[in-house]
C-alpha atoms as a PDB file:
ATOM      1  CA  MET A   1     -12.179   6.383  -0.705  1.00  0.00           C
ATOM      2  CA  SER A   2     -12.514   2.844   0.553  1.00  0.00           C
ATOM      3  CA  GLU A   3     -12.544   1.854   4.144  1.00  0.00           C
ATOM      4  CA  LEU A   4      -9.972  -0.277   3.401  1.00  0.00           C
ATOM      5  CA  GLU A   5      -7.859   2.514   1.926  1.00  0.00           C
ATOM      6  CA  GLN A   6      -8.033   5.178   4.505  1.00  0.00           C
ATOM      7  CA  GLN A   7      -7.213   2.520   6.820  1.00  0.00           C
ATOM      8  CA  LEU A   8      -3.727   2.156   4.721  1.00  0.00           C
ATOM      9  CA  LEU A   9      -3.454   5.343   4.377  1.00  0.00           C
ATOM     10  CA  ASN A  10      -4.086   6.388   8.416  1.00  0.00           C
ATOM     11  CA  ARG A  11      -2.136   3.788   9.092  1.00  0.00           C
ATOM     12  CA  ALA A  12       1.270   5.287   7.240  1.00  0.00           C
ATOM     13  CA  TYR A  13       0.416   8.977   7.846  1.00  0.00           C
ATOM     14  CA  GLU A  14       1.269   7.876  11.368  1.00  0.00           C
ATOM     15  CA  HIS A  15       4.360   5.338  10.770  1.00  0.00           C
ATOM     16  CA  CYS A  16       5.929   8.949   8.914  1.00  0.00           C
ATOM     17  CA  LYS A  17       4.453  11.276  11.500  1.00  0.00           C
ATOM     18  CA  ASN A  18       5.805   9.345  14.635  1.00  0.00           C
ATOM     19  CA  THR A  19       8.990   7.700  13.117  1.00  0.00           C
ATOM     20  CA  GLY A  20      10.175  10.754  10.466  1.00  0.00           C
ATOM     21  CA  GLU A  21      10.364   8.044   7.620  1.00  0.00           C
ATOM     22  CA  GLU A  22       9.467   9.916   4.271  1.00  0.00           C
ATOM     23  CA  TYR A  23       8.478   5.753   3.300  1.00  0.00           C
ATOM     24  CA  PHE A  24       5.957   3.449   4.974  1.00  0.00           C
ATOM     25  CA  SER A  25       7.044  -0.629   3.816  1.00  0.00           C
ATOM     26  CA  PHE A  26       4.856  -3.372   4.796  1.00  0.00           C
ATOM     27  CA  VAL A  27       3.949  -7.304   4.186  1.00  0.00           C
ATOM     28  CA  ILE A  28       0.228  -8.600   3.189  1.00  0.00           C
ATOM     29  CA  PRO A  29      -0.711 -10.194   5.965  1.00  0.00           C
ATOM     30  CA  ASN A  30      -2.285 -13.003   5.079  1.00  0.00           C
ATOM     31  CA  GLY A  31      -2.838 -14.172   1.206  1.00  0.00           C
ATOM     32  CA  ASP A  32      -6.943 -13.664   1.895  1.00  0.00           C
ATOM     33  CA  MET A  33      -5.924  -9.772   1.695  1.00  0.00           C
ATOM     34  CA  PHE A  34      -3.212  -9.964  -0.774  1.00  0.00           C
ATOM     35  CA  ILE A  35      -5.905  -8.894  -3.919  1.00  0.00           C
ATOM     36  CA  PRO A  36      -7.663  -6.110  -1.545  1.00  0.00           C
ATOM     37  CA  LEU A  37      -4.257  -4.406  -0.127  1.00  0.00           C
ATOM     38  CA  ILE A  38      -2.493  -4.443  -3.549  1.00  0.00           C
ATOM     39  CA  ASN A  39      -5.967  -3.004  -5.578  1.00  0.00           C
ATOM     40  CA  ALA A  40      -6.402  -0.227  -2.877  1.00  0.00           C
ATOM     41  CA  THR A  41      -2.389   0.723  -2.969  1.00  0.00           C
ATOM     42  CA  ILE A  42      -3.249   1.472  -6.942  1.00  0.00           C
ATOM     43  CA  SER A  43      -6.362   3.033  -6.329  1.00  0.00           C
ATOM     44  CA  LEU A  44      -4.387   5.381  -3.623  1.00  0.00           C
ATOM     45  CA  HIS A  45      -1.652   5.534  -6.164  1.00  0.00           C
ATOM     46  CA  GLU A  46      -4.166   6.473  -8.704  1.00  0.00           C
ATOM     47  CA  SER A  47      -5.905   9.224  -6.891  1.00  0.00           C
ATOM     48  CA  GLY A  48      -2.080  10.711  -5.943  1.00  0.00           C
ATOM     49  CA  TYR A  49      -2.716  10.177  -2.409  1.00  0.00           C
ATOM     50  CA  ILE A  50       0.996   8.512  -2.634  1.00  0.00           C
ATOM     51  CA  GLU A  51       3.778   8.026  -5.045  1.00  0.00           C
ATOM     52  CA  ASN A  52       6.779   6.286  -5.851  1.00  0.00           C
ATOM     53  CA  VAL A  53       4.654   2.929  -4.954  1.00  0.00           C
ATOM     54  CA  SER A  54       6.946  -0.241  -5.152  1.00  0.00           C
ATOM     55  CA  ASP A  55       7.254  -1.877  -8.911  1.00  0.00           C
ATOM     56  CA  ASN A  56       5.470  -5.485  -7.553  1.00  0.00           C
ATOM     57  CA  VAL A  57       2.269  -4.061  -7.071  1.00  0.00           C
ATOM     58  CA  TYR A  58       1.902  -3.358 -10.722  1.00  0.00           C
ATOM     59  CA  SER A  59       2.783  -7.006 -11.603  1.00  0.00           C
ATOM     60  CA  ASP A  60       1.287  -9.413 -13.102  1.00  0.00           C
ATOM     61  CA  THR A  61       3.273 -12.488 -12.260  1.00  0.00           C
ATOM     62  CA  PHE A  62       0.518 -12.894  -9.263  1.00  0.00           C
ATOM     63  CA  TYR A  63      -2.882 -13.297 -11.578  1.00  0.00           C
ATOM     64  CA  THR A  64      -1.463 -15.591 -13.777  1.00  0.00           C
ATOM     65  CA  GLY A  65      -2.400 -18.681 -11.282  1.00  0.00           C
ATOM     66  CA  THR A  66       0.078 -18.309  -8.728  1.00  0.00           C
ATOM     67  CA  ASP A  67      -1.077 -19.172  -5.192  1.00  0.00           C
ATOM     68  CA  LEU A  68      -1.558 -15.986  -3.476  1.00  0.00           C
ATOM     69  CA  ASN A  69      -0.924 -17.886   0.250  1.00  0.00           C
ATOM     70  CA  ASP A  70       2.600 -18.854  -1.341  1.00  0.00           C
ATOM     71  CA  ILE A  71       3.635 -15.425  -1.685  1.00  0.00           C
ATOM     72  CA  TYR A  72       2.284 -12.704   0.630  1.00  0.00           C
ATOM     73  CA  GLU A  73       4.421 -13.391   3.429  1.00  0.00           C
ATOM     74  CA  ASP A  74       7.565 -12.087   1.399  1.00  0.00           C
ATOM     75  CA  PHE A  75       5.280  -9.301  -0.423  1.00  0.00           C
ATOM     76  CA  ARG A  76       6.685  -6.031   0.404  1.00  0.00           C
ATOM     77  CA  ILE A  77       4.745  -3.195  -0.048  1.00  0.00           C
ATOM     78  CA  THR A  78       6.073   0.077  -0.030  1.00  0.00           C
ATOM     79  CA  PHE A  79       4.981   3.816  -1.097  1.00  0.00           C
ATOM     80  CA  LYS A  80       5.374   7.678   0.186  1.00  0.00           C
ATOM     81  CA  LEU A  81       2.833  10.091   1.183  1.00  0.00           C
ATOM     82  CA  THR A  82       1.775  13.052  -1.108  1.00  0.00           C
ATOM     83  CA  GLU A  83       1.775  16.321  -0.661  1.00  0.00           C
ATOM     84  CA  LYS A  84      -1.956  15.609  -0.813  1.00  0.00           C
ATOM     85  CA  ARG A  85      -1.840  13.220   1.554  1.00  0.00           C
ATOM     86  CA  VAL A  86      -0.801  14.981   4.111  1.00  0.00           C
ATOM     87  CA  MET A  87      -1.851  18.683   3.724  1.00  0.00           C
ATOM     88  CA  GLU A  88      -5.336  16.408   4.963  1.00  0.00           C
ATOM     89  CA  SER A  89      -4.518  15.583   7.783  1.00  0.00           C
ATOM     90  CA  THR A  90      -3.200  19.140   8.985  1.00  0.00           C
END
């Protein structure tokens, strides 16, 4: 697991633990982090750590020459931690 994936999981776990909410949601902070955070989210989903990932993560529209700096501010990613992730944190 990459450092970025671990950071993302830790943020999600702390948020859910502190708020009691099932889902974690965040907006990508800048264009440079767009692809790394998309890839980290996909990797975590494929590894079984998260589920119910927002559909926009798997959209191919941002791979078609779109300037990522134009869309990252409104790009929200939402997902739910799986039991696998919660079990590893306890």
